[in-house]
Amino acid sequence: MAQTSADSLRTTPLHSRHRALGARLVDFSGWEMPVEYSGLTKEHLAVRKAAGLFDASHMGEIEIAGDDALAAVQKVCTNDAAQLVIGDAQYSALVTEEGTVVDDVLVYRLADGHYMLVVNAGNIAKDFAWIREHIADVGDAVAVNTSSRYALIAVQGPRAQQIVQTLTEVELDRIGYYTFATGEVSGIRATISRTGYTGEDGFELFVPPQSAPSVWDAVQRAGESDGLLPAGLGARDTLRLEAGMRLCGQDMDDTTTLMEAGLGWIVGWEKDAFIGKAALLRQREDGVAKKLIGFELDERGIARHGYAIYGGDDQVGTVTSGTQTPFLNKSIGMAYVPVEYAKVDSALSIDIRGRRVAAHVVKMPFYRRSPDRKDR
C-alpha cells in the first residue's frame, strides 16, 4: 500500500492524486498526507453540507482468523465481538491491564472465524506486535498485518449516499450504520462500510491499492455536481472534534483509561475476562478522579493542544484538542480535569499565550447531525 519517498515518508496509492490537486502535504505519523486542498474551512463545510472525499489509506488493517478467532478478539478488545454477525462492524479498543488505551479500533466480522481490526496509522506495527503477543496462548487463532492489501477511501456528508449509489449496484439503503457489504464500486471489487470519523453519514471503501486512483477519480466525478470536495487531515480533525470523537494519542493514550475518556460504552461488561477488565470494573464501581470534558470559550481565542486549564487560581488540566470550528463558529476543545470541575456549565479559564480566557464545560458532542439524516 505504501511507497518510500525521497525524505523517507511513506505514501498512499493516492499520492499522485494529492499532488495533482495541489494539496498541501505534511508528515502525519510517518506518512506524507494532504492536510488541505482548497482550504480547511471550505472542506469542512462541504462535508457538513454536501460531501467530502478523504484518503484514509494510511490506516492499518490487522486480520485475526482461525477456529478460536472470536476468543482472540474477545481477549484483546474491550467491546463484545460476540454480538457481531457477519457484515457488522463495532467500535472497540485495545487497553492495558490498567485499562489505559493502547489504541481505538474498528472490529469487522468478515466471516465465521475471521475478523478485521482497523487501527490508527501511527500504531500499526505496535498494535500488530501487541495483538500477536496477547493471542499467542488463545489456541487456533493467528493475526496477520494485511494493511498492504487495502486502500481506504472515505466519502462523508449528507449527499454521500446519493453520490456513491451512482457508482454501485449494491443497495446502499440496506447498509445500516456500522455494517458493511461487498460489491463493486465503479467496476472495482470493494468492501462498502457505513462508518466514518466526521459525525456525518457516509461510507468507507476498502479497495485494492492498485485500483484506488480509479475509484477516487470516479467518486470525484460523480460528486462534482453535488458539491463534493477532496478534504484533508485538517478538516478531518475539526470535523471529528465537533462530533466529540476522540483522537487516540491526543485525547486518550497509555496514561488515560477508557472510563476517564468517557468510553465505558465500548466495554463489554458481561463478557468473560479480557485485558483490562478488572481495572475498568474498579473504576466503574469506584468512580474516576479525572474525566475528559468538552468546553467552549466565552471570549475570543483558540485553545490549542497543551494549553493550561485553570479552575480559579489552580491549574487543573491541559487542553488535549481545541479549535475554532468552521460550522458551529465556536471555539471548542477537550481536556481532562478533576471530576469536581467536570460538571456541565462549570467555569474554567484557559491560558492562551499568557492571557486567561474564560470558558465553561459543555455536553459533548458539540455537533450532532440532524436526525432525519441516515443513521441506523
Protein backbone atom coordinates (compact mmCIF):
# COMPACT_ATOMS: atom_id res chain seq x y z
CA MET A 1 0.00 0.00 0.00
CA ALA A 2 2.91 2.36 0.65
CA GLN A 3 6.00 3.53 -1.14
CA THR A 4 9.07 5.31 0.22
CA SER A 5 9.53 8.92 -0.84
CA ALA A 6 12.81 10.79 -1.06
CA ASP A 7 12.53 12.05 2.50
CA SER A 8 11.62 8.55 3.80
CA LEU A 9 7.94 9.35 4.33
CA ARG A 10 5.50 6.66 3.30
CA THR A 11 2.88 7.48 0.68
CA THR A 12 -0.52 6.04 -0.12
CA PRO A 13 -1.64 4.81 -3.56
CA LEU A 14 -3.41 8.18 -3.98
CA HIS A 15 -0.28 10.29 -3.52
CA SER A 16 -0.18 11.33 -7.18
CA ARG A 17 -3.79 12.50 -6.96
CA HIS A 18 -2.98 14.70 -3.98
CA ARG A 19 -0.08 16.32 -5.81
CA ALA A 20 -2.14 16.83 -8.96
CA LEU A 21 -4.85 18.54 -6.90
CA GLY A 22 -2.29 20.91 -5.36
CA ALA A 23 -2.74 19.60 -1.82
CA ARG A 24 -0.54 20.89 0.97
CA LEU A 25 1.25 17.77 2.17
CA VAL A 26 2.54 17.16 5.69
CA ASP A 27 4.19 14.43 7.73
CA PHE A 28 1.48 12.56 9.62
CA SER A 29 2.72 9.56 11.63
CA GLY A 30 5.43 8.94 9.06
CA TRP A 31 3.11 9.32 6.08
CA GLU A 32 3.09 12.20 3.59
CA MET A 33 -0.58 13.13 3.69
CA PRO A 34 -2.75 16.02 2.45
CA VAL A 35 -3.67 18.45 5.20
CA GLU A 36 -5.81 20.59 2.85
CA TYR A 37 -6.61 21.10 -0.81
CA SER A 38 -8.88 24.15 -1.25
CA GLY A 39 -8.79 25.31 2.38
CA LEU A 40 -9.75 23.75 5.71
CA THR A 41 -12.90 25.81 6.24
CA LYS A 42 -14.19 25.19 2.72
CA GLU A 43 -13.56 21.45 3.02
CA HIS A 44 -15.12 21.23 6.48
CA LEU A 45 -18.29 22.98 5.33
CA ALA A 46 -18.51 20.80 2.23
CA VAL A 47 -18.67 17.71 4.45
CA ARG A 48 -21.33 19.22 6.72
CA LYS A 49 -23.47 20.49 3.82
CA ALA A 50 -22.69 18.20 0.88
CA ALA A 51 -19.83 15.68 0.83
CA GLY A 52 -16.10 15.30 1.27
CA LEU A 53 -13.66 12.80 -0.23
CA PHE A 54 -10.85 11.57 2.06
CA ASP A 55 -7.82 9.37 1.60
CA ALA A 56 -7.65 7.14 4.70
CA SER A 57 -5.29 4.58 3.19
CA HIS A 58 -2.70 5.26 5.87
CA MET A 59 -4.89 3.41 8.36
CA GLY A 60 -3.89 -0.16 9.16
CA GLU A 61 -5.73 -3.47 8.90
CA ILE A 62 -4.95 -6.47 11.10
CA GLU A 63 -6.89 -9.68 10.47
CA ILE A 64 -7.43 -12.43 13.04
CA ALA A 65 -8.53 -15.83 11.75
CA GLY A 66 -8.94 -19.39 12.97
CA ASP A 67 -11.36 -21.58 14.92
CA ASP A 68 -10.61 -19.52 18.05
CA ALA A 69 -10.56 -16.12 16.34
CA LEU A 70 -13.55 -14.87 18.33
CA ALA A 71 -11.87 -15.81 21.61
CA ALA A 72 -8.76 -13.94 20.50
CA VAL A 73 -10.71 -10.81 19.59
CA GLN A 74 -12.65 -11.02 22.85
CA LYS A 75 -9.41 -11.17 24.83
CA VAL A 76 -7.68 -8.19 23.26
CA CYS A 77 -10.67 -5.92 22.51
CA THR A 78 -12.89 -4.28 25.12
CA ASN A 79 -16.23 -4.43 23.29
CA ASP A 80 -18.25 -7.63 22.94
CA ALA A 81 -17.50 -9.03 19.48
CA ALA A 82 -19.85 -11.95 20.14
CA GLN A 83 -22.67 -9.52 19.33
CA LEU A 84 -21.44 -9.15 15.76
CA VAL A 85 -22.93 -11.07 12.86
CA ILE A 86 -21.16 -11.32 9.52
CA GLY A 87 -21.42 -7.87 7.96
CA ASP A 88 -21.29 -5.96 11.26
CA ALA A 89 -18.65 -3.52 12.48
CA GLN A 90 -18.05 -2.30 16.02
CA TYR A 91 -16.11 0.47 17.75
CA SER A 92 -13.74 -1.00 20.33
CA ALA A 93 -10.35 -0.53 21.95
CA LEU A 94 -7.14 -2.27 22.93
CA VAL A 95 -6.20 -1.47 26.52
CA THR A 96 -3.52 -2.41 29.04
CA GLU A 97 -4.14 -4.38 32.24
CA GLU A 98 -4.53 -0.97 33.91
CA GLY A 99 -7.32 -0.07 31.48
CA THR A 100 -5.26 2.60 29.72
CA VAL A 101 -5.54 2.98 25.96
CA VAL A 102 -3.24 1.20 23.52
CA ASP A 103 -5.40 2.16 20.53
CA ASP A 104 -9.00 2.54 19.48
CA VAL A 105 -10.10 0.22 16.67
CA LEU A 106 -12.97 -0.81 14.45
CA VAL A 107 -13.72 -4.53 14.51
CA TYR A 108 -15.28 -6.10 11.40
CA ARG A 109 -16.70 -9.63 11.33
CA LEU A 110 -15.79 -10.76 7.83
CA ALA A 111 -16.81 -14.43 8.15
CA ASP A 112 -17.05 -17.23 10.69
CA GLY A 113 -13.69 -17.29 12.41
CA HIS A 114 -12.43 -14.23 10.54
CA TYR A 115 -12.24 -10.66 11.89
CA MET A 116 -10.52 -7.48 10.76
CA LEU A 117 -9.34 -4.70 13.07
CA VAL A 118 -8.78 -1.26 11.56
CA VAL A 119 -6.12 0.56 13.59
CA ASN A 120 -4.56 4.02 13.60
CA ALA A 121 -1.76 4.74 11.15
CA GLY A 122 0.91 5.52 13.70
CA ASN A 123 0.14 2.38 15.69
CA ILE A 124 0.17 -0.35 13.03
CA ALA A 125 3.44 -2.03 13.98
CA LYS A 126 2.88 -1.55 17.71
CA ASP A 127 -0.69 -2.88 17.61
CA PHE A 128 0.26 -5.87 15.48
CA ALA A 129 3.05 -6.89 17.87
CA TRP A 130 0.78 -6.32 20.88
CA ILE A 131 -2.09 -8.36 19.45
CA ARG A 132 0.16 -11.20 18.30
CA GLU A 133 1.77 -11.41 21.74
CA HIS A 134 -1.51 -11.43 23.63
CA ILE A 135 -3.30 -14.03 21.49
CA ALA A 136 -0.40 -16.47 21.43
CA ASP A 137 -2.00 -18.64 24.13
CA VAL A 138 -5.57 -18.49 22.83
CA GLY A 139 -5.50 -21.55 20.56
CA ASP A 140 -6.28 -21.70 16.85
CA ALA A 141 -6.01 -18.01 16.04
CA VAL A 142 -3.45 -16.13 14.01
CA ALA A 143 -3.02 -12.39 13.46
CA VAL A 144 -1.81 -11.07 10.10
CA ASN A 145 -0.94 -7.50 9.22
CA THR A 146 -2.86 -7.09 5.95
CA SER A 147 -2.50 -3.31 5.64
CA SER A 148 -0.73 -3.62 2.29
CA ARG A 149 -3.82 -5.31 0.81
CA TYR A 150 -6.09 -2.29 1.24
CA ALA A 151 -6.51 1.30 0.23
CA LEU A 152 -9.27 3.16 2.08
CA ILE A 153 -11.34 5.96 0.59
CA ALA A 154 -13.95 7.77 2.71
CA VAL A 155 -16.97 9.61 1.29
CA GLN A 156 -18.63 11.61 4.06
CA GLY A 157 -21.56 14.01 4.21
CA PRO A 158 -25.34 14.26 3.73
CA ARG A 159 -25.00 13.62 -0.02
CA ALA A 160 -22.56 10.72 0.32
CA GLN A 161 -25.15 8.03 -0.32
CA GLN A 162 -26.57 9.53 -3.49
CA ILE A 163 -23.04 10.03 -4.85
CA VAL A 164 -21.76 6.52 -4.12
CA GLN A 165 -25.04 4.95 -5.25
CA THR A 166 -24.41 6.16 -8.80
CA LEU A 167 -21.27 4.00 -8.86
CA THR A 168 -22.57 0.71 -7.46
CA GLU A 169 -25.43 -1.74 -7.81
CA VAL A 170 -25.25 -2.52 -4.08
CA GLU A 171 -28.39 -1.11 -2.44
CA LEU A 172 -26.84 1.33 -0.01
CA ASP A 173 -30.14 1.82 1.82
CA ARG A 174 -29.71 -1.73 3.09
CA ILE A 175 -26.33 -1.00 4.66
CA GLY A 176 -27.07 0.20 8.17
CA TYR A 177 -24.82 2.31 10.37
CA TYR A 178 -21.78 0.25 11.42
CA THR A 179 -22.49 -2.51 8.93
CA PHE A 180 -20.85 -3.30 5.61
CA ALA A 181 -21.36 -5.14 2.34
CA THR A 182 -19.20 -6.26 -0.55
CA GLY A 183 -19.75 -5.40 -4.18
CA GLU A 184 -18.33 -3.30 -6.99
CA VAL A 185 -17.76 0.45 -6.92
CA SER A 186 -17.05 1.84 -10.39
CA GLY A 187 -16.29 -1.70 -11.52
CA ILE A 188 -13.81 -2.37 -8.71
CA ARG A 189 -14.40 -5.01 -6.03
CA ALA A 190 -14.87 -3.19 -2.72
CA THR A 191 -15.98 -3.53 0.86
CA ILE A 192 -18.50 -0.74 1.47
CA SER A 193 -18.69 0.20 5.15
CA ARG A 194 -21.17 2.69 6.61
CA THR A 195 -18.68 4.20 9.04
CA GLY A 196 -16.63 7.37 9.33
CA TYR A 197 -14.82 9.88 11.51
CA THR A 198 -16.66 13.12 10.76
CA GLY A 199 -20.01 12.98 12.57
CA GLU A 200 -21.79 12.72 9.22
CA ASP A 201 -23.33 9.83 7.34
CA GLY A 202 -21.03 8.27 4.80
CA PHE A 203 -19.06 5.30 3.58
CA GLU A 204 -15.54 3.98 3.82
CA LEU A 205 -14.49 1.99 0.75
CA PHE A 206 -11.83 -0.70 1.10
CA VAL A 207 -10.38 -1.33 -2.35
CA PRO A 208 -7.22 -2.91 -3.81
CA PRO A 209 -4.34 -0.38 -3.71
CA GLN A 210 -3.76 -0.56 -7.46
CA SER A 211 -7.42 0.34 -8.07
CA ALA A 212 -7.63 3.22 -5.60
CA PRO A 213 -6.84 6.01 -8.09
CA SER A 214 -9.61 4.96 -10.48
CA VAL A 215 -12.16 4.72 -7.64
CA TRP A 216 -11.06 8.13 -6.28
CA ASP A 217 -11.47 9.68 -9.74
CA ALA A 218 -14.89 8.09 -10.21
CA VAL A 219 -16.17 9.36 -6.86
CA GLN A 220 -14.80 12.83 -7.53
CA ARG A 221 -16.52 12.99 -10.91
CA ALA A 222 -19.78 11.59 -9.56
CA GLY A 223 -19.87 14.10 -6.70
CA GLU A 224 -18.81 17.22 -8.55
CA SER A 225 -22.35 18.43 -9.24
CA ASP A 226 -23.36 17.70 -5.63
CA GLY A 227 -20.64 19.88 -4.16
CA LEU A 228 -18.23 17.12 -3.13
CA LEU A 229 -14.69 18.31 -2.40
CA PRO A 230 -11.49 16.43 -1.65
CA ALA A 231 -10.77 17.00 2.05
CA GLY A 232 -7.57 16.69 4.02
CA LEU A 233 -6.44 15.91 7.54
CA GLY A 234 -7.17 19.44 8.71
CA ALA A 235 -10.89 19.17 8.02
CA ARG A 236 -10.90 15.58 9.28
CA ASP A 237 -9.63 16.84 12.63
CA THR A 238 -12.05 19.76 13.00
CA LEU A 239 -14.98 17.58 11.91
CA ARG A 240 -14.21 14.79 14.38
CA LEU A 241 -13.72 17.33 17.19
CA GLU A 242 -17.11 18.96 16.51
CA ALA A 243 -18.58 15.45 16.67
CA GLY A 244 -16.86 14.77 20.01
CA MET A 245 -14.76 11.93 18.61
CA ARG A 246 -11.55 11.21 20.49
CA LEU A 247 -8.18 11.21 18.76
CA CYS A 248 -6.01 8.39 20.04
CA GLY A 249 -2.59 9.61 21.12
CA GLN A 250 -4.00 13.02 21.91
CA ASP A 251 -7.38 12.74 23.70
CA MET A 252 -6.52 9.29 25.11
CA ASP A 253 -3.34 7.28 25.48
CA ASP A 254 -1.49 4.96 27.86
CA THR A 255 -1.91 7.49 30.68
CA THR A 256 -5.73 7.61 30.44
CA THR A 257 -8.33 4.88 30.83
CA LEU A 258 -11.45 4.28 28.78
CA MET A 259 -13.57 5.28 31.76
CA GLU A 260 -11.72 8.58 32.12
CA ALA A 261 -12.17 9.15 28.39
CA GLY A 262 -15.93 8.64 28.71
CA LEU A 263 -15.87 5.46 26.63
CA GLY A 264 -17.34 2.97 29.07
CA TRP A 265 -19.99 2.28 26.43
CA ILE A 266 -17.44 0.37 24.32
CA VAL A 267 -16.74 -2.10 27.13
CA GLY A 268 -18.48 -5.48 27.06
CA TRP A 269 -19.03 -5.68 30.79
CA GLU A 270 -20.84 -9.00 30.69
CA LYS A 271 -18.33 -10.96 28.62
CA ASP A 272 -15.62 -13.17 30.08
CA ALA A 273 -12.27 -11.81 31.19
CA PHE A 274 -10.43 -9.56 28.76
CA ILE A 275 -7.29 -7.50 29.12
CA GLY A 276 -8.00 -4.54 31.41
CA LYS A 277 -11.42 -5.71 32.62
CA ALA A 278 -10.56 -5.78 36.34
CA ALA A 279 -9.16 -2.23 36.29
CA LEU A 280 -12.09 -0.86 34.32
CA LEU A 281 -14.59 -2.59 36.61
CA ARG A 282 -12.93 -0.96 39.64
CA GLN A 283 -13.27 2.44 38.04
CA ARG A 284 -16.88 1.81 37.13
CA GLU A 285 -17.62 0.90 40.73
CA ASP A 286 -15.40 3.46 42.50
CA GLY A 287 -15.53 6.31 40.01
CA VAL A 288 -12.68 8.18 38.36
CA ALA A 289 -10.57 11.06 39.66
CA LYS A 290 -10.37 12.83 36.30
CA LYS A 291 -12.66 12.99 33.31
CA LEU A 292 -12.49 14.10 29.69
CA ILE A 293 -14.75 17.11 29.22
CA GLY A 294 -15.82 19.33 26.37
CA PHE A 295 -15.51 23.08 26.79
CA GLU A 296 -16.44 26.24 24.94
CA LEU A 297 -14.65 29.57 25.21
CA ASP A 298 -16.67 32.55 26.39
CA GLU A 299 -14.27 35.04 24.83
CA ARG A 300 -12.25 35.34 21.63
CA GLY A 301 -9.36 32.94 21.31
CA ILE A 302 -8.45 29.40 20.31
CA ALA A 303 -7.45 26.84 22.93
CA ARG A 304 -4.73 24.68 21.38
CA HIS A 305 -3.39 21.29 22.41
CA GLY A 306 -1.22 21.58 25.53
CA TYR A 307 -2.62 24.88 26.81
CA ALA A 308 -3.11 25.03 30.58
CA ILE A 309 -6.63 24.97 32.05
CA TYR A 310 -7.43 26.63 35.36
CA GLY A 311 -10.17 26.26 37.93
CA GLY A 312 -9.89 29.50 39.85
CA ASP A 313 -6.18 30.09 40.51
CA ASP A 314 -5.19 26.43 40.24
CA GLN A 315 -4.11 24.65 37.09
CA VAL A 316 -6.42 21.64 36.82
CA GLY A 317 -5.56 20.24 33.40
CA THR A 318 -4.35 20.83 29.85
CA VAL A 319 -6.16 21.00 26.53
CA THR A 320 -5.99 17.76 24.56
CA SER A 321 -7.75 19.07 21.41
CA GLY A 322 -9.01 22.52 20.53
CA THR A 323 -10.06 24.56 17.51
CA GLN A 324 -12.30 27.30 16.13
CA THR A 325 -14.98 25.24 14.40
CA PRO A 326 -15.93 26.29 10.87
CA PHE A 327 -19.52 25.03 11.07
CA LEU A 328 -20.51 25.88 14.66
CA ASN A 329 -18.39 29.03 14.57
CA LYS A 330 -17.33 28.46 18.18
CA SER A 331 -14.02 27.91 19.91
CA ILE A 332 -14.23 24.46 21.49
CA GLY A 333 -11.99 21.77 22.88
CA MET A 334 -11.47 18.76 25.11
CA ALA A 335 -9.45 18.33 28.28
CA TYR A 336 -9.02 16.10 31.31
CA VAL A 337 -9.96 17.80 34.56
CA PRO A 338 -10.69 16.56 38.10
CA VAL A 339 -14.28 15.36 38.39
CA GLU A 340 -15.22 18.30 40.62
CA TYR A 341 -14.63 20.59 37.62
CA ALA A 342 -16.34 18.34 35.08
CA LYS A 343 -19.99 19.26 35.63
CA VAL A 344 -21.71 20.95 32.69
CA ASP A 345 -21.56 24.76 32.97
CA SER A 346 -18.61 24.66 35.38
CA ALA A 347 -16.45 27.77 34.93
CA LEU A 348 -12.86 27.35 33.76
CA SER A 349 -10.20 29.54 32.21
CA ILE A 350 -7.52 28.72 29.68
CA ASP A 351 -4.10 30.30 29.37
CA ILE A 352 -3.79 31.40 25.76
CA ARG A 353 -0.34 32.90 25.26
CA GLY A 354 -0.26 34.41 28.73
CA ARG A 355 -3.87 35.62 28.74
CA ARG A 356 -6.56 33.89 30.80
CA VAL A 357 -9.65 33.33 28.67
CA ALA A 358 -12.95 32.35 30.28
CA ALA A 359 -14.55 29.04 29.29
CA HIS A 360 -17.23 26.68 30.53
CA VAL A 361 -17.90 22.94 30.38
CA VAL A 362 -20.44 21.80 27.79
CA LYS A 363 -22.05 18.50 26.95
CA MET A 364 -20.49 16.51 24.13
CA PRO A 365 -20.79 16.02 21.24
CA PHE A 366 -20.62 19.66 20.28
CA TYR A 367 -22.37 18.84 16.99
CA ARG A 368 -24.87 16.11 16.15
CA ARG A 369 -26.28 15.77 12.65
CA SER A 370 -29.98 16.20 12.03
CA PRO A 371 -32.00 13.09 12.96
CA ASP A 372 -33.63 12.99 9.53
CA ARG A 373 -30.25 12.11 8.01
CA LYS A 374 -29.27 8.47 7.51
CA ASP A 375 -28.03 6.90 10.75
CA ARG A 376 -29.31 3.43 11.60
